[in-house]
Amino acid sequence: MKKKRPLSPHLQVYRLPLAAVLSISHRISGVVLSLATVGIVLMLALLTFEPFVYDRMMACLKTTVGNIVVVGFVLAFWYHFCAGLRHLIWDMGYGYDLSVVKTSNVLILLGTLVLTLGTLCRLYYV
């Protein structure tokens, strides 16, 4: 008796390579950063009309949810930056060898972690 198998690979069966996951995440982080930037501009515009908004905004950012938003924004920023550097190198025609791709995967994740932690330490502890 034959096993029923899908006619073509799909996401439930096929595991995407890390480079593909990072590339898709790069696009998602770009969208998140674009939306966050619009939100920041709107908050800055509100500050020009209502000075008390600053106090409320800072109070919101000091809550747990506010801290999660700040950490998420910083993480998305540095991830997008690091992954963007790899895409820039790829656009120049370099870095397509499998060993280089695997190394750049690790460098993107390590770079994101180090830069995010450095930024957060600077924000919260200095």
PDB file of N, CA and C in Angstrom:
ATOM      1  N   MET A   1       0.839  -1.182   0.000  1.00  0.00           N
ATOM      2  CA  MET A   1       0.000   0.000   0.000  1.00  0.00           C
ATOM      3  C   MET A   1       0.882   1.243   0.000  1.00  0.00           C
ATOM      4  N   LYS A   2       0.571   2.175  -0.853  1.00  0.00           N
ATOM      5  CA  LYS A   2       1.353   3.397  -0.971  1.00  0.00           C
ATOM      6  C   LYS A   2       0.958   4.408   0.087  1.00  0.00           C
ATOM      7  N   LYS A   3       1.968   5.153   0.552  1.00  0.00           N
ATOM      8  CA  LYS A   3       1.684   6.260   1.463  1.00  0.00           C
ATOM      9  C   LYS A   3       1.186   7.449   0.653  1.00  0.00           C
ATOM     10  N   LYS A   4       0.264   8.180   1.257  1.00  0.00           N
ATOM     11  CA  LYS A   4      -0.205   9.395   0.590  1.00  0.00           C
ATOM     12  C   LYS A   4       0.803  10.502   0.859  1.00  0.00           C
ATOM     13  N   ARG A   5       1.385  10.990  -0.179  1.00  0.00           N
ATOM     14  CA  ARG A   5       2.371  12.061  -0.064  1.00  0.00           C
ATOM     15  C   ARG A   5       1.868  13.264  -0.855  1.00  0.00           C
ATOM     16  N   PRO A   6       2.297  14.449  -0.440  1.00  0.00           N
ATOM     17  CA  PRO A   6       1.870  15.629  -1.199  1.00  0.00           C
ATOM     18  C   PRO A   6       2.454  15.604  -2.615  1.00  0.00           C
ATOM     19  N   LEU A   7       1.748  16.227  -3.528  1.00  0.00           N
ATOM     20  CA  LEU A   7       2.203  16.268  -4.913  1.00  0.00           C
ATOM     21  C   LEU A   7       3.428  17.158  -5.073  1.00  0.00           C
ATOM     22  N   SER A   8       3.529  18.178  -4.259  1.00  0.00           N
ATOM     23  CA  SER A   8       4.693  19.052  -4.315  1.00  0.00           C
ATOM     24  C   SER A   8       5.039  19.477  -2.887  1.00  0.00           C
ATOM     25  N   PRO A   9       6.307  19.826  -2.653  1.00  0.00           N
ATOM     26  CA  PRO A   9       6.689  20.237  -1.298  1.00  0.00           C
ATOM     27  C   PRO A   9       5.952  21.510  -0.887  1.00  0.00           C
ATOM     28  N   HIS A  10       5.583  21.572   0.355  1.00  0.00           N
ATOM     29  CA  HIS A  10       4.951  22.773   0.887  1.00  0.00           C
ATOM     30  C   HIS A  10       5.502  23.012   2.280  1.00  0.00           C
ATOM     31  N   LEU A  11       5.113  24.089   2.927  1.00  0.00           N
ATOM     32  CA  LEU A  11       5.723  24.501   4.179  1.00  0.00           C
ATOM     33  C   LEU A  11       5.485  23.528   5.329  1.00  0.00           C
ATOM     34  N   GLN A  12       4.471  22.687   5.231  1.00  0.00           N
ATOM     35  CA  GLN A  12       4.245  21.716   6.289  1.00  0.00           C
ATOM     36  C   GLN A  12       5.220  20.541   6.196  1.00  0.00           C
ATOM     37  N   VAL A  13       5.773  20.320   5.012  1.00  0.00           N
ATOM     38  CA  VAL A  13       6.682  19.204   4.806  1.00  0.00           C
ATOM     39  C   VAL A  13       8.116  19.706   4.633  1.00  0.00           C
ATOM     40  N   TYR A  14       8.282  20.736   3.855  1.00  0.00           N
ATOM     41  CA  TYR A  14       9.590  21.240   3.476  1.00  0.00           C
ATOM     42  C   TYR A  14      10.068  22.271   4.482  1.00  0.00           C
ATOM     43  N   ARG A  15      11.289  22.120   4.960  1.00  0.00           N
ATOM     44  CA  ARG A  15      11.866  23.092   5.886  1.00  0.00           C
ATOM     45  C   ARG A  15      12.731  24.062   5.097  1.00  0.00           C
ATOM     46  N   LEU A  16      12.408  25.350   5.220  1.00  0.00           N
ATOM     47  CA  LEU A  16      13.165  26.362   4.501  1.00  0.00           C
ATOM     48  C   LEU A  16      14.583  26.450   5.046  1.00  0.00           C
ATOM     49  N   PRO A  17      15.567  26.698   4.178  1.00  0.00           N
ATOM     50  CA  PRO A  17      16.928  26.923   4.666  1.00  0.00           C
ATOM     51  C   PRO A  17      16.982  28.220   5.487  1.00  0.00           C
ATOM     52  N   LEU A  18      17.966  28.291   6.387  1.00  0.00           N
ATOM     53  CA  LEU A  18      18.083  29.455   7.250  1.00  0.00           C
ATOM     54  C   LEU A  18      18.229  30.745   6.450  1.00  0.00           C
ATOM     55  N   ALA A  19      18.943  30.694   5.334  1.00  0.00           N
ATOM     56  CA  ALA A  19      19.106  31.897   4.510  1.00  0.00           C
ATOM     57  C   ALA A  19      17.757  32.400   3.999  1.00  0.00           C
ATOM     58  N   ALA A  20      16.864  31.485   3.641  1.00  0.00           N
ATOM     59  CA  ALA A  20      15.533  31.880   3.167  1.00  0.00           C
ATOM     60  C   ALA A  20      14.707  32.475   4.294  1.00  0.00           C
ATOM     61  N   VAL A  21      14.790  31.870   5.476  1.00  0.00           N
ATOM     62  CA  VAL A  21      14.058  32.391   6.636  1.00  0.00           C
ATOM     63  C   VAL A  21      14.558  33.797   6.980  1.00  0.00           C
ATOM     64  N   LEU A  22      15.885  33.979   6.945  1.00  0.00           N
ATOM     65  CA  LEU A  22      16.445  35.301   7.244  1.00  0.00           C
ATOM     66  C   LEU A  22      16.059  36.325   6.181  1.00  0.00           C
ATOM     67  N   SER A  23      15.988  35.903   4.932  1.00  0.00           N
ATOM     68  CA  SER A  23      15.597  36.813   3.866  1.00  0.00           C
ATOM     69  C   SER A  23      14.133  37.253   4.016  1.00  0.00           C
ATOM     70  N   ILE A  24      13.259  36.320   4.342  1.00  0.00           N
ATOM     71  CA  ILE A  24      11.853  36.647   4.559  1.00  0.00           C
ATOM     72  C   ILE A  24      11.709  37.542   5.790  1.00  0.00           C
ATOM     73  N   SER A  25      12.465  37.225   6.839  1.00  0.00           N
ATOM     74  CA  SER A  25      12.435  38.047   8.051  1.00  0.00           C
ATOM     75  C   SER A  25      12.942  39.459   7.786  1.00  0.00           C
ATOM     76  N   HIS A  26      13.885  39.587   6.857  1.00  0.00           N
ATOM     77  CA  HIS A  26      14.388  40.908   6.490  1.00  0.00           C
ATOM     78  C   HIS A  26      13.270  41.762   5.893  1.00  0.00           C
ATOM     79  N   ARG A  27      12.466  41.163   5.056  1.00  0.00           N
ATOM     80  CA  ARG A  27      11.334  41.892   4.460  1.00  0.00           C
ATOM     81  C   ARG A  27      10.310  42.281   5.536  1.00  0.00           C
ATOM     82  N   ILE A  28      10.020  41.339   6.426  1.00  0.00           N
ATOM     83  CA  ILE A  28       9.044  41.607   7.487  1.00  0.00           C
ATOM     84  C   ILE A  28       9.552  42.717   8.402  1.00  0.00           C
ATOM     85  N   SER A  29      10.842  42.670   8.757  1.00  0.00           N
ATOM     86  CA  SER A  29      11.383  43.721   9.627  1.00  0.00           C
ATOM     87  C   SER A  29      11.337  45.082   8.935  1.00  0.00           C
ATOM     88  N   GLY A  30      11.482  45.111   7.623  1.00  0.00           N
ATOM     89  CA  GLY A  30      11.369  46.373   6.892  1.00  0.00           C
ATOM     90  C   GLY A  30       9.967  46.962   6.991  1.00  0.00           C
ATOM     91  N   VAL A  31       8.960  46.106   6.885  1.00  0.00           N
ATOM     92  CA  VAL A  31       7.578  46.573   7.021  1.00  0.00           C
ATOM     93  C   VAL A  31       7.318  47.068   8.440  1.00  0.00           C
ATOM     94  N   VAL A  32       7.791  46.311   9.436  1.00  0.00           N
ATOM     95  CA  VAL A  32       7.613  46.704  10.838  1.00  0.00           C
ATOM     96  C   VAL A  32       8.281  48.051  11.107  1.00  0.00           C
ATOM     97  N   LEU A  33       9.492  48.226  10.602  1.00  0.00           N
ATOM     98  CA  LEU A  33      10.202  49.493  10.807  1.00  0.00           C
ATOM     99  C   LEU A  33       9.499  50.655  10.109  1.00  0.00           C
ATOM    100  N   SER A  34       8.938  50.401   8.945  1.00  0.00           N
ATOM    101  CA  SER A  34       8.199  51.459   8.244  1.00  0.00           C
ATOM    102  C   SER A  34       6.980  51.903   9.044  1.00  0.00           C
ATOM    103  N   LEU A  35       6.224  50.930   9.560  1.00  0.00           N
ATOM    104  CA  LEU A  35       5.051  51.269  10.365  1.00  0.00           C
ATOM    105  C   LEU A  35       5.453  51.963  11.660  1.00  0.00           C
ATOM    106  N   ALA A  36       6.533  51.489  12.283  1.00  0.00           N
ATOM    107  CA  ALA A  36       7.001  52.115  13.525  1.00  0.00           C
ATOM    108  C   ALA A  36       7.472  53.541  13.273  1.00  0.00           C
ATOM    109  N   THR A  37       8.094  53.766  12.146  1.00  0.00           N
ATOM    110  CA  THR A  37       8.560  55.115  11.818  1.00  0.00           C
ATOM    111  C   THR A  37       7.386  56.071  11.646  1.00  0.00           C
ATOM    112  N   VAL A  38       6.331  55.603  11.018  1.00  0.00           N
ATOM    113  CA  VAL A  38       5.127  56.434  10.885  1.00  0.00           C
ATOM    114  C   VAL A  38       4.576  56.758  12.274  1.00  0.00           C
ATOM    115  N   GLY A  39       4.546  55.781  13.156  1.00  0.00           N
ATOM    116  CA  GLY A  39       4.072  56.010  14.522  1.00  0.00           C
ATOM    117  C   GLY A  39       4.935  57.009  15.266  1.00  0.00           C
ATOM    118  N   ILE A  40       6.245  56.911  15.102  1.00  0.00           N
ATOM    119  CA  ILE A  40       7.154  57.851  15.766  1.00  0.00           C
ATOM    120  C   ILE A  40       6.947  59.266  15.241  1.00  0.00           C
ATOM    121  N   VAL A  41       6.786  59.402  13.941  1.00  0.00           N
ATOM    122  CA  VAL A  41       6.546  60.730  13.360  1.00  0.00           C
ATOM    123  C   VAL A  41       5.231  61.315  13.875  1.00  0.00           C
ATOM    124  N   LEU A  42       4.200  60.479  13.982  1.00  0.00           N
ATOM    125  CA  LEU A  42       2.920  60.967  14.512  1.00  0.00           C
ATOM    126  C   LEU A  42       3.064  61.401  15.972  1.00  0.00           C
ATOM    127  N   MET A  43       3.826  60.638  16.764  1.00  0.00           N
ATOM    128  CA  MET A  43       4.029  61.029  18.163  1.00  0.00           C
ATOM    129  C   MET A  43       4.803  62.339  18.247  1.00  0.00           C
ATOM    130  N   LEU A  44       5.792  62.512  17.399  1.00  0.00           N
ATOM    131  CA  LEU A  44       6.548  63.768  17.400  1.00  0.00           C
ATOM    132  C   LEU A  44       5.677  64.944  16.964  1.00  0.00           C
ATOM    133  N   ALA A  45       4.791  64.702  16.018  1.00  0.00           N
ATOM    134  CA  ALA A  45       3.872  65.756  15.595  1.00  0.00           C
ATOM    135  C   ALA A  45       2.925  66.127  16.733  1.00  0.00           C
ATOM    136  N   LEU A  46       2.461  65.132  17.482  1.00  0.00           N
ATOM    137  CA  LEU A  46       1.609  65.420  18.632  1.00  0.00           C
ATOM    138  C   LEU A  46       2.339  66.243  19.687  1.00  0.00           C
ATOM    139  N   LEU A  47       3.617  65.999  19.847  1.00  0.00           N
ATOM    140  CA  LEU A  47       4.397  66.740  20.831  1.00  0.00           C
ATOM    141  C   LEU A  47       4.436  68.239  20.526  1.00  0.00           C
ATOM    142  N   THR A  48       4.372  68.584  19.250  1.00  0.00           N
ATOM    143  CA  THR A  48       4.420  70.001  18.906  1.00  0.00           C
ATOM    144  C   THR A  48       3.125  70.716  19.274  1.00  0.00           C
ATOM    145  N   PHE A  49       2.021  69.979  19.343  1.00  0.00           N
ATOM    146  CA  PHE A  49       0.741  70.600  19.657  1.00  0.00           C
ATOM    147  C   PHE A  49       0.401  70.529  21.144  1.00  0.00           C
ATOM    148  N   GLU A  50       0.745  69.441  21.783  1.00  0.00           N
ATOM    149  CA  GLU A  50       0.387  69.229  23.182  1.00  0.00           C
ATOM    150  C   GLU A  50       1.615  68.824  23.978  1.00  0.00           C
ATOM    151  N   PRO A  51       2.195  69.733  24.758  1.00  0.00           N
ATOM    152  CA  PRO A  51       3.420  69.402  25.496  1.00  0.00           C
ATOM    153  C   PRO A  51       3.232  68.294  26.542  1.00  0.00           C
ATOM    154  N   PHE A  52       2.047  68.136  27.122  1.00  0.00           N
ATOM    155  CA  PHE A  52       1.841  67.108  28.137  1.00  0.00           C
ATOM    156  C   PHE A  52       1.900  65.699  27.540  1.00  0.00           C
ATOM    157  N   VAL A  53       1.819  65.598  26.213  1.00  0.00           N
ATOM    158  CA  VAL A  53       1.874  64.296  25.553  1.00  0.00           C
ATOM    159  C   VAL A  53       3.221  63.630  25.824  1.00  0.00           C
ATOM    160  N   TYR A  54       4.278  64.428  25.951  1.00  0.00           N
ATOM    161  CA  TYR A  54       5.602  63.868  26.213  1.00  0.00           C
ATOM    162  C   TYR A  54       5.609  63.082  27.519  1.00  0.00           C
ATOM    163  N   ASP A  55       5.029  63.640  28.569  1.00  0.00           N
ATOM    164  CA  ASP A  55       4.996  62.951  29.851  1.00  0.00           C
ATOM    165  C   ASP A  55       4.217  61.637  29.760  1.00  0.00           C
ATOM    166  N   ARG A  56       3.112  61.665  29.057  1.00  0.00           N
ATOM    167  CA  ARG A  56       2.311  60.445  28.894  1.00  0.00           C
ATOM    168  C   ARG A  56       3.047  59.414  28.050  1.00  0.00           C
ATOM    169  N   MET A  57       3.711  59.891  26.998  1.00  0.00           N
ATOM    170  CA  MET A  57       4.452  58.990  26.126  1.00  0.00           C
ATOM    171  C   MET A  57       5.594  58.316  26.904  1.00  0.00           C
ATOM    172  N   MET A  58       6.314  59.072  27.702  1.00  0.00           N
ATOM    173  CA  MET A  58       7.410  58.507  28.481  1.00  0.00           C
ATOM    174  C   MET A  58       6.879  57.539  29.545  1.00  0.00           C
ATOM    175  N   ALA A  59       5.743  57.848  30.125  1.00  0.00           N
ATOM    176  CA  ALA A  59       5.138  56.936  31.100  1.00  0.00           C
ATOM    177  C   ALA A  59       4.749  55.617  30.438  1.00  0.00           C
ATOM    178  N   CYS A  60       4.224  55.689  29.225  1.00  0.00           N
ATOM    179  CA  CYS A  60       3.856  54.472  28.497  1.00  0.00           C
ATOM    180  C   CYS A  60       5.089  53.652  28.132  1.00  0.00           C
ATOM    181  N   LEU A  61       6.168  54.323  27.751  1.00  0.00           N
ATOM    182  CA  LEU A  61       7.377  53.604  27.363  1.00  0.00           C
ATOM    183  C   LEU A  61       8.062  52.936  28.548  1.00  0.00           C
ATOM    184  N   LYS A  62       7.761  53.379  29.763  1.00  0.00           N
ATOM    185  CA  LYS A  62       8.375  52.780  30.946  1.00  0.00           C
ATOM    186  C   LYS A  62       7.594  51.572  31.466  1.00  0.00           C
ATOM    187  N   THR A  63       6.466  51.271  30.873  1.00  0.00           N
ATOM    188  CA  THR A  63       5.703  50.092  31.276  1.00  0.00           C
ATOM    189  C   THR A  63       6.320  48.845  30.640  1.00  0.00           C
ATOM    190  N   THR A  64       5.837  47.684  31.036  1.00  0.00           N
ATOM    191  CA  THR A  64       6.345  46.428  30.472  1.00  0.00           C
ATOM    192  C   THR A  64       6.083  46.352  28.975  1.00  0.00           C
ATOM    193  N   VAL A  65       4.874  46.720  28.575  1.00  0.00           N
ATOM    194  CA  VAL A  65       4.533  46.700  27.150  1.00  0.00           C
ATOM    195  C   VAL A  65       5.400  47.703  26.392  1.00  0.00           C
ATOM    196  N   GLY A  66       5.614  48.869  26.971  1.00  0.00           N
ATOM    197  CA  GLY A  66       6.472  49.873  26.342  1.00  0.00           C
ATOM    198  C   GLY A  66       7.892  49.377  26.164  1.00  0.00           C
ATOM    199  N   ASN A  67       8.403  48.693  27.195  1.00  0.00           N
ATOM    200  CA  ASN A  67       9.758  48.129  27.087  1.00  0.00           C
ATOM    201  C   ASN A  67       9.835  47.064  26.004  1.00  0.00           C
ATOM    202  N   ILE A  68       8.800  46.256  25.879  1.00  0.00           N
ATOM    203  CA  ILE A  68       8.775  45.228  24.834  1.00  0.00           C
ATOM    204  C   ILE A  68       8.769  45.891  23.456  1.00  0.00           C
ATOM    205  N   VAL A  69       8.009  46.964  23.306  1.00  0.00           N
ATOM    206  CA  VAL A  69       7.965  47.688  22.032  1.00  0.00           C
ATOM    207  C   VAL A  69       9.336  48.277  21.703  1.00  0.00           C
ATOM    208  N   VAL A  70       9.995  48.879  22.682  1.00  0.00           N
ATOM    209  CA  VAL A  70      11.316  49.460  22.452  1.00  0.00           C
ATOM    210  C   VAL A  70      12.323  48.378  22.069  1.00  0.00           C
ATOM    211  N   VAL A  71      12.322  47.271  22.810  1.00  0.00           N
ATOM    212  CA  VAL A  71      13.245  46.169  22.506  1.00  0.00           C
ATOM    213  C   VAL A  71      12.948  45.612  21.116  1.00  0.00           C
ATOM    214  N   GLY A  72      11.675  45.451  20.779  1.00  0.00           N
ATOM    215  CA  GLY A  72      11.300  44.958  19.456  1.00  0.00           C
ATOM    216  C   GLY A  72      11.740  45.882  18.345  1.00  0.00           C
ATOM    217  N   PHE A  73      11.594  47.189  18.563  1.00  0.00           N
ATOM    218  CA  PHE A  73      12.008  48.153  17.549  1.00  0.00           C
ATOM    219  C   PHE A  73      13.517  48.122  17.360  1.00  0.00           C
ATOM    220  N   VAL A  74      14.257  48.102  18.461  1.00  0.00           N
ATOM    221  CA  VAL A  74      15.726  48.067  18.381  1.00  0.00           C
ATOM    222  C   VAL A  74      16.189  46.771  17.708  1.00  0.00           C
ATOM    223  N   LEU A  75      15.581  45.649  18.083  1.00  0.00           N
ATOM    224  CA  LEU A  75      15.924  44.371  17.486  1.00  0.00           C
ATOM    225  C   LEU A  75      15.634  44.364  15.986  1.00  0.00           C
ATOM    226  N   ALA A  76      14.464  44.851  15.601  1.00  0.00           N
ATOM    227  CA  ALA A  76      14.107  44.904  14.177  1.00  0.00           C
ATOM    228  C   ALA A  76      15.055  45.821  13.408  1.00  0.00           C
ATOM    229  N   PHE A  77      15.426  46.939  14.022  1.00  0.00           N
ATOM    230  CA  PHE A  77      16.336  47.886  13.357  1.00  0.00           C
ATOM    231  C   PHE A  77      17.682  47.230  13.072  1.00  0.00           C
ATOM    232  N   TRP A  78      18.295  46.634  14.097  1.00  0.00           N
ATOM    233  CA  TRP A  78      19.628  46.061  13.908  1.00  0.00           C
ATOM    234  C   TRP A  78      19.581  44.810  13.043  1.00  0.00           C
ATOM    235  N   TYR A  79      18.510  44.031  13.137  1.00  0.00           N
ATOM    236  CA  TYR A  79      18.388  42.863  12.262  1.00  0.00           C
ATOM    237  C   TYR A  79      18.291  43.311  10.806  1.00  0.00           C
ATOM    238  N   HIS A  80      17.450  44.307  10.559  1.00  0.00           N
ATOM    239  CA  HIS A  80      17.279  44.805   9.195  1.00  0.00           C
ATOM    240  C   HIS A  80      18.589  45.379   8.664  1.00  0.00           C
ATOM    241  N   PHE A  81      19.324  46.046   9.526  1.00  0.00           N
ATOM    242  CA  PHE A  81      20.623  46.609   9.146  1.00  0.00           C
ATOM    243  C   PHE A  81      21.597  45.498   8.752  1.00  0.00           C
ATOM    244  N   CYS A  82      21.743  44.483   9.616  1.00  0.00           N
ATOM    245  CA  CYS A  82      22.703  43.399   9.351  1.00  0.00           C
ATOM    246  C   CYS A  82      22.306  42.580   8.119  1.00  0.00           C
ATOM    247  N   ALA A  83      21.038  42.246   8.003  1.00  0.00           N
ATOM    248  CA  ALA A  83      20.587  41.478   6.841  1.00  0.00           C
ATOM    249  C   ALA A  83      20.692  42.325   5.576  1.00  0.00           C
ATOM    250  N   GLY A  84      20.468  43.622   5.705  1.00  0.00           N
ATOM    251  CA  GLY A  84      20.596  44.520   4.559  1.00  0.00           C
ATOM    252  C   GLY A  84      22.018  44.587   4.033  1.00  0.00           C
ATOM    253  N   LEU A  85      23.004  44.505   4.930  1.00  0.00           N
ATOM    254  CA  LEU A  85      24.397  44.473   4.488  1.00  0.00           C
ATOM    255  C   LEU A  85      24.667  43.239   3.632  1.00  0.00           C
ATOM    256  N   ARG A  86      24.122  42.089   4.057  1.00  0.00           N
ATOM    257  CA  ARG A  86      24.315  40.883   3.251  1.00  0.00           C
ATOM    258  C   ARG A  86      23.634  41.029   1.895  1.00  0.00           C
ATOM    259  N   HIS A  87      22.419  41.580   1.878  1.00  0.00           N
ATOM    260  CA  HIS A  87      21.732  41.773   0.595  1.00  0.00           C
ATOM    261  C   HIS A  87      22.503  42.735  -0.300  1.00  0.00           C
ATOM    262  N   LEU A  88      23.119  43.735   0.297  1.00  0.00           N
ATOM    263  CA  LEU A  88      23.937  44.671  -0.481  1.00  0.00           C
ATOM    264  C   LEU A  88      25.140  43.948  -1.099  1.00  0.00           C
ATOM    265  N   ILE A  89      25.778  43.088  -0.328  1.00  0.00           N
ATOM    266  CA  ILE A  89      26.909  42.307  -0.842  1.00  0.00           C
ATOM    267  C   ILE A  89      26.439  41.348  -1.936  1.00  0.00           C
ATOM    268  N   TRP A  90      25.279  40.740  -1.741  1.00  0.00           N
ATOM    269  CA  TRP A  90      24.729  39.868  -2.783  1.00  0.00           C
ATOM    270  C   TRP A  90      24.426  40.661  -4.047  1.00  0.00           C
ATOM    271  N   ASP A  91      23.913  41.877  -3.896  1.00  0.00           N
ATOM    272  CA  ASP A  91      23.612  42.706  -5.068  1.00  0.00           C
ATOM    273  C   ASP A  91      24.866  43.043  -5.870  1.00  0.00           C
ATOM    274  N   MET A  92      26.020  43.061  -5.191  1.00  0.00           N
ATOM    275  CA  MET A  92      27.281  43.313  -5.892  1.00  0.00           C
ATOM    276  C   MET A  92      27.835  42.047  -6.537  1.00  0.00           C
ATOM    277  N   GLY A  93      27.180  40.897  -6.298  1.00  0.00           N
ATOM    278  CA  GLY A  93      27.579  39.654  -6.945  1.00  0.00           C
ATOM    279  C   GLY A  93      28.504  38.782  -6.131  1.00  0.00           C
ATOM    280  N   TYR A  94      28.638  39.055  -4.852  1.00  0.00           N
ATOM    281  CA  TYR A  94      29.536  38.280  -3.996  1.00  0.00           C
ATOM    282  C   TYR A  94      28.734  37.496  -2.958  1.00  0.00           C
ATOM    283  N   GLY A  95      29.377  36.482  -2.382  1.00  0.00           N
ATOM    284  CA  GLY A  95      28.810  35.793  -1.232  1.00  0.00           C
ATOM    285  C   GLY A  95      27.780  34.731  -1.543  1.00  0.00           C
ATOM    286  N   TYR A  96      27.806  34.164  -2.758  1.00  0.00           N
ATOM    287  CA  TYR A  96      26.813  33.155  -3.108  1.00  0.00           C
ATOM    288  C   TYR A  96      27.257  31.726  -2.800  1.00  0.00           C
ATOM    289  N   ASP A  97      28.538  31.526  -2.469  1.00  0.00           N
ATOM    290  CA  ASP A  97      29.007  30.182  -2.124  1.00  0.00           C
ATOM    291  C   ASP A  97      28.297  29.710  -0.856  1.00  0.00           C
ATOM    292  N   LEU A  98      28.014  28.423  -0.803  1.00  0.00           N
ATOM    293  CA  LEU A  98      27.251  27.884   0.327  1.00  0.00           C
ATOM    294  C   LEU A  98      27.955  28.122   1.659  1.00  0.00           C
ATOM    295  N   SER A  99      29.263  27.992   1.678  1.00  0.00           N
ATOM    296  CA  SER A  99      29.989  28.212   2.934  1.00  0.00           C
ATOM    297  C   SER A  99      29.908  29.676   3.362  1.00  0.00           C
ATOM    298  N   VAL A 100      29.948  30.586   2.399  1.00  0.00           N
ATOM    299  CA  VAL A 100      29.852  32.014   2.716  1.00  0.00           C
ATOM    300  C   VAL A 100      28.443  32.353   3.195  1.00  0.00           C
ATOM    301  N   VAL A 101      27.432  31.750   2.592  1.00  0.00           N
ATOM    302  CA  VAL A 101      26.045  31.983   3.008  1.00  0.00           C
ATOM    303  C   VAL A 101      25.839  31.499   4.437  1.00  0.00           C
ATOM    304  N   LYS A 102      26.367  30.317   4.756  1.00  0.00           N
ATOM    305  CA  LYS A 102      26.224  29.794   6.121  1.00  0.00           C
ATOM    306  C   LYS A 102      26.939  30.676   7.126  1.00  0.00           C
ATOM    307  N   THR A 103      28.121  31.173   6.761  1.00  0.00           N
ATOM    308  CA  THR A 103      28.859  32.074   7.645  1.00  0.00           C
ATOM    309  C   THR A 103      28.108  33.389   7.828  1.00  0.00           C
ATOM    310  N   SER A 104      27.564  33.916   6.734  1.00  0.00           N
ATOM    311  CA  SER A 104      26.835  35.187   6.837  1.00  0.00           C
ATOM    312  C   SER A 104      25.542  35.028   7.638  1.00  0.00           C
ATOM    313  N   ASN A 105      24.919  33.838   7.598  1.00  0.00           N
ATOM    314  CA  ASN A 105      23.744  33.586   8.450  1.00  0.00           C
ATOM    315  C   ASN A 105      24.099  33.797   9.912  1.00  0.00           C
ATOM    316  N   VAL A 106      25.196  33.182  10.314  1.00  0.00           N
ATOM    317  CA  VAL A 106      25.637  33.283  11.708  1.00  0.00           C
ATOM    318  C   VAL A 106      26.038  34.721  12.039  1.00  0.00           C
ATOM    319  N   LEU A 107      26.731  35.384  11.107  1.00  0.00           N
ATOM    320  CA  LEU A 107      27.151  36.766  11.352  1.00  0.00           C
ATOM    321  C   LEU A 107      25.958  37.707  11.508  1.00  0.00           C
ATOM    322  N   ILE A 108      24.916  37.484  10.727  1.00  0.00           N
ATOM    323  CA  ILE A 108      23.713  38.316  10.851  1.00  0.00           C
ATOM    324  C   ILE A 108      23.104  38.150  12.235  1.00  0.00           C
ATOM    325  N   LEU A 109      22.955  36.904  12.670  1.00  0.00           N
ATOM    326  CA  LEU A 109      22.338  36.662  13.973  1.00  0.00           C
ATOM    327  C   LEU A 109      23.214  37.172  15.118  1.00  0.00           C
ATOM    328  N   LEU A 110      24.519  36.941  15.033  1.00  0.00           N
ATOM    329  CA  LEU A 110      25.419  37.439  16.081  1.00  0.00           C
ATOM    330  C   LEU A 110      25.487  38.963  16.080  1.00  0.00           C
ATOM    331  N   GLY A 111      25.572  39.548  14.887  1.00  0.00           N
ATOM    332  CA  GLY A 111      25.618  41.006  14.786  1.00  0.00           C
ATOM    333  C   GLY A 111      24.364  41.639  15.350  1.00  0.00           C
ATOM    334  N   THR A 112      23.225  41.058  15.036  1.00  0.00           N
ATOM    335  CA  THR A 112      21.960  41.568  15.563  1.00  0.00           C
ATOM    336  C   THR A 112      21.938  41.495  17.081  1.00  0.00           C
ATOM    337  N   LEU A 113      22.373  40.367  17.616  1.00  0.00           N
ATOM    338  CA  LEU A 113      22.376  40.185  19.069  1.00  0.00           C
ATOM    339  C   LEU A 113      23.311  41.176  19.759  1.00  0.00           C
ATOM    340  N   VAL A 114      24.532  41.302  19.258  1.00  0.00           N
ATOM    341  CA  VAL A 114      25.521  42.193  19.879  1.00  0.00           C
ATOM    342  C   VAL A 114      25.082  43.655  19.782  1.00  0.00           C
ATOM    343  N   LEU A 115      24.634  44.072  18.606  1.00  0.00           N
ATOM    344  CA  LEU A 115      24.223  45.476  18.427  1.00  0.00           C
ATOM    345  C   LEU A 115      22.972  45.804  19.237  1.00  0.00           C
ATOM    346  N   THR A 116      22.042  44.870  19.313  1.00  0.00           N
ATOM    347  CA  THR A 116      20.828  45.091  20.103  1.00  0.00           C
ATOM    348  C   THR A 116      21.169  45.196  21.582  1.00  0.00           C
ATOM    349  N   LEU A 117      21.971  44.271  22.081  1.00  0.00           N
ATOM    350  CA  LEU A 117      22.350  44.321  23.493  1.00  0.00           C
ATOM    351  C   LEU A 117      23.142  45.591  23.809  1.00  0.00           C
ATOM    352  N   GLY A 118      24.035  45.983  22.912  1.00  0.00           N
ATOM    353  CA  GLY A 118      24.792  47.212  23.117  1.00  0.00           C
ATOM    354  C   GLY A 118      23.895  48.437  23.170  1.00  0.00           C
ATOM    355  N   THR A 119      22.930  48.494  22.274  1.00  0.00           N
ATOM    356  CA  THR A 119      21.999  49.628  22.254  1.00  0.00           C
ATOM    357  C   THR A 119      21.133  49.647  23.505  1.00  0.00           C
ATOM    358  N   LEU A 120      20.617  48.484  23.889  1.00  0.00           N
ATOM    359  CA  LEU A 120      19.748  48.430  25.067  1.00  0.00           C
ATOM    360  C   LEU A 120      20.518  48.743  26.349  1.00  0.00           C
ATOM    361  N   CYS A 121      21.762  48.282  26.430  1.00  0.00           N
ATOM    362  CA  CYS A 121      22.574  48.645  27.600  1.00  0.00           C
ATOM    363  C   CYS A 121      22.782  50.151  27.653  1.00  0.00           C
ATOM    364  N   ARG A 122      23.003  50.740  26.515  1.00  0.00           N
ATOM    365  CA  ARG A 122      23.186  52.203  26.456  1.00  0.00           C
ATOM    366  C   ARG A 122      21.890  52.929  26.822  1.00  0.00           C
ATOM    367  N   LEU A 123      20.765  52.417  26.375  1.00  0.00           N
ATOM    368  CA  LEU A 123      19.478  53.063  26.670  1.00  0.00           C
ATOM    369  C   LEU A 123      19.072  52.948  28.117  1.00  0.00           C
ATOM    370  N   TYR A 124      19.266  51.766  28.686  1.00  0.00           N
ATOM    371  CA  TYR A 124      18.702  51.505  30.005  1.00  0.00           C
ATOM    372  C   TYR A 124      19.695  51.656  31.153  1.00  0.00           C
ATOM    373  N   TYR A 125      20.986  51.599  30.887  1.00  0.00           N
ATOM    374  CA  TYR A 125      21.933  51.584  31.998  1.00  0.00           C
ATOM    375  C   TYR A 125      22.885  52.771  32.015  1.00  0.00           C
ATOM    376  N   VAL A 126      22.798  53.652  31.072  1.00  0.00           N
ATOM    377  CA  VAL A 126      23.687  54.825  31.090  1.00  0.00           C
ATOM    378  C   VAL A 126      22.863  56.086  31.167  1.00  0.00           C
TER     379      VAL A 126
END
